Amino acid sequence: MPLLTRGWSHDVKTDGTQTFLTPEGLGGLRHRYAIRSSSEPAWRAWGGHPSEPHWTARFSFGTPTTLVAAFTASLISTEPLHRTVQDVPVHTRSALYIATTTPKQPHGDTPVAPPPPAPVAGRTR
C-alpha cells in the first residue's frame, strides 16, 4: 500500500479494524474490514489529533475501492496544491507551506530560446 511507502504505520486489530497513521501521528485512516452495521463507515480518515481532528472524511461500505484509493493517494501526494491564502481557513494558515511556482524546465538538449541569427554576408552601407 502506498501509505506504507511514505512512512505511515499500520496496525491490525482482532476487532476487524486496521489503522494507518502518519509518521508524525497527526492524521490517519481507519478501515473496518469486518462490518457489523451498514450505518457505520467502512473507512474514516482524519487530519490532526485523532481526538480533535481538523477535518474528517467518511466512506460507507458501498464506496468503490478505487475512490478510497484515489483519496488516500491524494493524502500522500507531494504535488503542490495551488490555492490563494484566502482559500485557506484562518485557523489553519499557520500550517501552510508557501512556495512560489517555477516554470517547467524543458527536457533534453532543447534550447530555451532559439540562437541569434547568423550574420548575413553581403554589402554594408
Protein backbone atom coordinates (compact mmCIF):
# COMPACT_ATOMS: atom_id res chain seq x y z
CA MET A 1 0.00 0.00 0.00
CA PRO A 2 1.37 3.45 -0.90
CA LEU A 3 0.78 4.78 2.63
CA LEU A 4 3.40 2.38 3.97
CA THR A 5 5.98 3.52 1.43
CA ARG A 6 5.53 7.08 2.77
CA GLY A 7 6.29 6.02 6.34
CA TRP A 8 2.77 5.55 7.66
CA SER A 9 2.39 2.92 10.39
CA HIS A 10 -0.11 0.08 10.12
CA ASP A 11 -1.92 -1.65 12.97
CA VAL A 12 -4.41 -4.50 12.55
CA LYS A 13 -6.75 -5.36 15.43
CA THR A 14 -8.71 -8.56 16.00
CA ASP A 15 -11.91 -6.49 16.24
CA GLY A 16 -11.97 -6.16 12.44
CA THR A 17 -10.25 -2.80 12.07
CA GLN A 18 -6.96 -1.68 10.66
CA THR A 19 -5.47 1.75 11.20
CA PHE A 20 -2.84 3.65 9.25
CA LEU A 21 -1.19 6.64 10.97
CA THR A 22 1.01 9.39 9.53
CA PRO A 23 4.66 9.35 10.61
CA GLU A 24 4.11 12.31 12.96
CA GLY A 25 0.78 10.93 14.23
CA LEU A 26 -1.26 13.92 13.02
CA GLY A 27 -3.56 12.07 10.67
CA GLY A 28 -4.83 8.64 9.91
CA LEU A 29 -7.10 6.26 8.10
CA ARG A 30 -9.18 3.56 9.78
CA HIS A 31 -10.75 0.71 7.83
CA ARG A 32 -13.44 -1.56 9.26
CA TYR A 33 -13.00 -4.70 7.23
CA ALA A 34 -15.45 -6.73 9.35
CA ILE A 35 -18.55 -4.54 9.09
CA ARG A 36 -21.12 -5.13 11.80
CA SER A 37 -23.56 -2.44 10.75
CA SER A 38 -24.16 -0.74 7.43
CA SER A 39 -24.74 2.56 9.29
CA GLU A 40 -21.07 2.68 10.37
CA PRO A 41 -18.47 3.99 7.91
CA ALA A 42 -16.19 1.39 6.38
CA TRP A 43 -13.41 3.98 6.07
CA ARG A 44 -12.69 7.04 8.21
CA ALA A 45 -9.84 9.47 7.57
CA TRP A 46 -8.82 12.45 9.67
CA GLY A 47 -6.25 15.21 9.83
CA GLY A 48 -4.90 16.45 13.14
CA HIS A 49 -5.04 14.71 16.51
CA PRO A 50 -7.48 11.76 16.45
CA SER A 51 -9.36 13.09 19.49
CA GLU A 52 -9.72 16.60 17.99
CA PRO A 53 -9.24 16.37 14.21
CA HIS A 54 -9.20 19.45 11.99
CA TRP A 55 -11.14 17.51 9.35
CA THR A 56 -12.65 14.08 8.78
CA ALA A 57 -13.83 12.09 5.79
CA ARG A 58 -16.04 9.01 5.95
CA PHE A 59 -16.74 6.43 3.29
CA SER A 60 -19.58 3.94 3.51
CA PHE A 61 -19.31 0.23 2.84
CA GLY A 62 -20.66 0.77 -0.69
CA THR A 63 -17.97 3.29 -1.67
CA PRO A 64 -15.94 1.99 -4.63
CA THR A 65 -12.47 0.90 -3.56
CA THR A 66 -10.99 2.93 -6.43
CA LEU A 67 -12.43 6.11 -4.88
CA VAL A 68 -10.93 5.33 -1.47
CA ALA A 69 -7.61 4.51 -3.17
CA ALA A 70 -7.64 7.84 -5.04
CA PHE A 71 -8.45 9.69 -1.81
CA THR A 72 -5.60 8.03 0.09
CA ALA A 73 -3.23 8.71 -2.82
CA SER A 74 -4.10 12.40 -2.53
CA LEU A 75 -3.19 12.31 1.18
CA ILE A 76 0.39 11.29 0.41
CA SER A 77 0.83 13.24 -2.80
CA THR A 78 3.82 15.56 -2.94
CA GLU A 79 2.25 17.51 -5.81
CA PRO A 80 1.78 21.13 -4.67
CA LEU A 81 -1.77 22.26 -4.05
CA HIS A 82 -2.38 25.63 -5.66
CA ARG A 83 -4.56 27.92 -3.55
CA THR A 84 -4.64 31.54 -2.57
CA VAL A 85 -4.23 32.37 1.12
CA GLN A 86 -7.88 33.48 1.19
CA ASP A 87 -8.92 29.92 0.22
CA VAL A 88 -7.42 28.52 3.43
CA PRO A 89 -9.34 28.79 6.73
CA VAL A 90 -7.74 31.32 9.09
CA HIS A 91 -7.22 28.80 11.91
CA THR A 92 -5.11 26.51 9.70
CA ARG A 93 -2.97 29.12 7.94
CA SER A 94 -0.12 28.63 10.40
CA ALA A 95 0.37 25.12 8.92
CA LEU A 96 0.83 26.46 5.38
CA TYR A 97 4.00 25.98 3.40
CA ILE A 98 4.08 28.75 0.83
CA ALA A 99 6.15 28.26 -2.29
CA THR A 100 6.44 30.23 -5.47
CA THR A 101 5.72 28.49 -8.70
CA THR A 102 8.53 27.89 -11.14
CA PRO A 103 8.10 27.27 -14.84
CA LYS A 104 8.78 23.74 -16.00
CA GLN A 105 12.23 23.31 -17.47
CA PRO A 106 12.48 21.78 -20.95
CA HIS A 107 13.78 18.24 -21.16
CA GLY A 108 16.81 17.13 -23.17
CA ASP A 109 19.08 19.41 -25.14
CA THR A 110 16.32 21.66 -26.46
CA PRO A 111 17.43 25.29 -26.10
CA VAL A 112 15.19 27.61 -24.12
CA ALA A 113 15.33 30.27 -26.85
CA PRO A 114 16.42 29.97 -30.47
CA PRO A 115 20.01 31.02 -31.14
CA PRO A 116 20.54 34.54 -32.51
CA PRO A 117 20.51 34.80 -36.31
CA ALA A 118 23.86 34.36 -38.01
CA PRO A 119 25.36 37.46 -39.69
CA VAL A 120 24.41 37.73 -43.33
CA ALA A 121 27.30 38.11 -45.77
CA GLY A 122 26.91 40.95 -48.17
CA ARG A 123 27.41 44.67 -48.67
CA THR A 124 27.18 47.21 -45.89
CA ARG A 125 26.48 50.93 -46.29
